[in-house]
Amino acid sequence: MKLQFEYNRITRERILGAIEGLSVEQMIAVPEGFGNNVLWNFGHILITQHLLCFKLADKEPSIPNELIESYRKGSNAAAITEPQKDLDYFKANVNKLIDLTEEAYEDGQLAGFNEYTTSYGVTLNSVEEAISFNNLHEALHLGYIMAMKKCI
């Protein structure tokens, strides 16, 4: 699983690189043809990884609930009320949340996993599958961020 966490870190570094230099106004703009914005995609990946790994293992999330509600699957950019505050939180925790997940995984805290079928159509049967799927999910949203950046 070490390699999966390394891939996750690489993708997040690419995301940080993609958003570097964007103003908050640019990050919250919803480009024509898109349903969300750069900030939502950035926050969504952090929230989703945490929910896939912790919530599905019946562990309390360490991310504030208001952020979870604003960036989880099914939410949209309209739920973002404090973009600068959210952005600051996500940037400060982008790697800490991977570390937290890796530590919890290594300690066996995520072993009690509840099966879940994603909107992508993949059924996750273990935390290992969730960690692997998360990398695909984050790469997908990195692609959205890159495409949106060209439109703003």
Protein backbone atom coordinates (compact mmCIF):
# COMPACT_ATOMS: atom_id res chain seq x y z
CA MET A 1 0.00 0.00 0.00
CA LYS A 2 3.01 2.30 0.36
CA LEU A 3 3.00 2.77 -3.41
CA GLN A 4 -0.70 3.75 -3.38
CA PHE A 5 -0.03 6.44 -0.78
CA GLU A 6 2.95 7.65 -2.81
CA TYR A 7 0.75 7.93 -5.93
CA ASN A 8 -1.75 9.89 -3.85
CA ARG A 9 0.95 12.33 -2.74
CA ILE A 10 2.15 12.79 -6.33
CA THR A 11 -1.37 13.55 -7.57
CA ARG A 12 -1.90 16.07 -4.79
CA GLU A 13 1.37 17.78 -5.64
CA ARG A 14 0.15 18.04 -9.25
CA ILE A 15 -3.11 19.55 -8.01
CA LEU A 16 -1.23 22.10 -5.90
CA GLY A 17 0.83 22.94 -8.96
CA ALA A 18 -2.28 23.33 -11.09
CA ILE A 19 -3.90 25.79 -8.67
CA GLU A 20 -0.73 27.74 -7.93
CA GLY A 21 -1.15 31.37 -8.88
CA LEU A 22 -4.94 31.23 -9.14
CA SER A 23 -6.82 33.85 -7.16
CA VAL A 24 -9.75 32.87 -4.98
CA GLU A 25 -12.01 34.59 -7.53
CA GLN A 26 -10.61 32.38 -10.29
CA MET A 27 -10.97 29.29 -8.12
CA ILE A 28 -14.64 29.94 -7.38
CA ALA A 29 -15.61 30.87 -10.94
CA VAL A 30 -17.70 28.17 -12.59
CA PRO A 31 -16.46 27.96 -16.18
CA GLU A 32 -19.04 27.67 -18.93
CA GLY A 33 -19.94 24.04 -19.53
CA PHE A 34 -18.92 22.91 -16.03
CA GLY A 35 -21.09 22.24 -12.99
CA ASN A 36 -18.51 23.15 -10.37
CA ASN A 37 -15.33 25.12 -9.90
CA VAL A 38 -11.65 24.55 -9.16
CA LEU A 39 -12.06 25.05 -5.41
CA TRP A 40 -14.90 22.52 -5.22
CA ASN A 41 -12.83 19.93 -7.08
CA PHE A 42 -9.84 20.53 -4.81
CA GLY A 43 -11.89 20.25 -1.64
CA HIS A 44 -13.90 17.33 -2.98
CA ILE A 45 -10.85 15.10 -3.35
CA LEU A 46 -9.81 15.63 0.27
CA ILE A 47 -13.32 15.06 1.57
CA THR A 48 -13.90 11.98 -0.58
CA GLN A 49 -10.66 10.26 0.45
CA HIS A 50 -11.51 10.84 4.08
CA LEU A 51 -15.06 9.53 3.72
CA LEU A 52 -14.00 6.50 1.68
CA CYS A 53 -11.38 5.48 4.21
CA PHE A 54 -12.70 6.64 7.57
CA LYS A 55 -16.47 6.89 7.28
CA LEU A 56 -16.76 3.50 5.53
CA ALA A 57 -14.67 2.00 8.35
CA ASP A 58 -17.11 3.52 10.89
CA LYS A 59 -14.54 6.03 12.14
CA GLU A 60 -15.36 9.63 12.93
CA PRO A 61 -14.02 12.00 10.29
CA SER A 62 -11.46 14.53 11.49
CA ILE A 63 -12.55 17.06 8.85
CA PRO A 64 -15.12 19.62 10.04
CA ASN A 65 -18.66 18.51 9.16
CA GLU A 66 -19.51 21.81 7.42
CA LEU A 67 -16.66 21.17 4.96
CA ILE A 68 -17.83 17.61 4.41
CA GLU A 69 -21.33 18.81 3.59
CA SER A 70 -20.06 21.53 1.22
CA TYR A 71 -17.69 19.32 -0.77
CA ARG A 72 -19.03 15.77 -0.63
CA LYS A 73 -20.52 13.87 -3.56
CA GLY A 74 -23.78 15.50 -4.59
CA SER A 75 -22.81 18.98 -3.40
CA ASN A 76 -21.90 21.85 -5.68
CA ALA A 77 -20.15 25.20 -5.76
CA ALA A 78 -23.24 26.97 -4.41
CA ALA A 79 -22.55 25.35 -1.01
CA ILE A 80 -19.22 27.17 -0.69
CA THR A 81 -19.77 30.11 1.67
CA GLU A 82 -16.23 30.89 2.87
CA PRO A 83 -13.93 30.16 -0.07
CA GLN A 84 -10.73 31.70 1.35
CA LYS A 85 -11.16 29.90 4.67
CA ASP A 86 -11.87 26.62 2.88
CA LEU A 87 -8.90 27.04 0.55
CA ASP A 88 -6.59 27.78 3.48
CA TYR A 89 -7.81 24.64 5.27
CA PHE A 90 -7.38 22.44 2.20
CA LYS A 91 -3.89 23.73 1.43
CA ALA A 92 -2.81 23.29 5.06
CA ASN A 93 -4.14 19.73 5.19
CA VAL A 94 -3.58 18.41 1.67
CA ASN A 95 -0.73 16.15 2.79
CA LYS A 96 -1.64 15.83 6.46
CA LEU A 97 -4.82 14.00 5.50
CA ILE A 98 -2.85 11.45 3.49
CA ASP A 99 -0.51 10.97 6.46
CA LEU A 100 -3.50 10.52 8.77
CA THR A 101 -5.00 7.92 6.45
CA GLU A 102 -1.72 6.06 6.05
CA GLU A 103 -1.14 5.98 9.82
CA ALA A 104 -4.68 4.78 10.51
CA TYR A 105 -4.31 2.12 7.83
CA GLU A 106 -0.97 0.89 9.18
CA ASP A 107 -2.40 0.77 12.72
CA GLY A 108 -5.31 -1.37 11.54
CA GLN A 109 -7.88 1.27 12.44
CA LEU A 110 -9.59 1.07 9.04
CA ALA A 111 -10.04 -2.71 8.91
CA GLY A 112 -13.79 -2.73 9.69
CA PHE A 113 -14.76 -1.57 6.20
CA ASN A 114 -18.36 -1.45 4.93
CA GLU A 115 -18.88 -2.36 1.27
CA TYR A 116 -19.75 0.61 -0.93
CA THR A 117 -20.59 1.06 -4.60
CA THR A 118 -19.26 4.32 -6.00
CA SER A 119 -21.02 6.53 -8.54
CA TYR A 120 -18.23 5.40 -10.89
CA GLY A 121 -19.81 1.93 -10.73
CA VAL A 122 -17.03 0.29 -8.71
CA THR A 123 -17.89 -1.73 -5.61
CA LEU A 124 -15.31 -1.30 -2.88
CA ASN A 125 -14.99 -4.30 -0.58
CA SER A 126 -12.02 -3.27 1.55
CA VAL A 127 -10.09 -0.23 2.63
CA GLU A 128 -7.29 -1.31 0.30
CA GLU A 129 -9.71 -1.11 -2.62
CA ALA A 130 -10.92 2.28 -1.38
CA ILE A 131 -7.36 3.61 -1.20
CA SER A 132 -6.62 2.38 -4.72
CA PHE A 133 -9.91 3.71 -6.11
CA ASN A 134 -9.27 7.06 -4.46
CA ASN A 135 -6.17 7.53 -6.62
CA LEU A 136 -8.26 7.08 -9.77
CA HIS A 137 -10.85 9.50 -8.37
CA GLU A 138 -8.26 12.16 -7.56
CA ALA A 139 -6.66 11.86 -11.00
CA LEU A 140 -10.10 12.36 -12.57
CA HIS A 141 -10.60 15.57 -10.59
CA LEU A 142 -7.07 16.74 -11.40
CA GLY A 143 -8.16 16.49 -15.04
CA TYR A 144 -11.23 18.60 -14.32
CA ILE A 145 -9.08 21.20 -12.55
CA MET A 146 -6.68 21.36 -15.50
CA ALA A 147 -9.54 21.75 -17.96
CA MET A 148 -11.24 24.43 -15.86
CA LYS A 149 -7.99 26.34 -15.50
CA LYS A 150 -7.85 26.73 -19.28
CA CYS A 151 -11.35 28.23 -19.23
CA ILE A 152 -10.87 30.83 -16.49
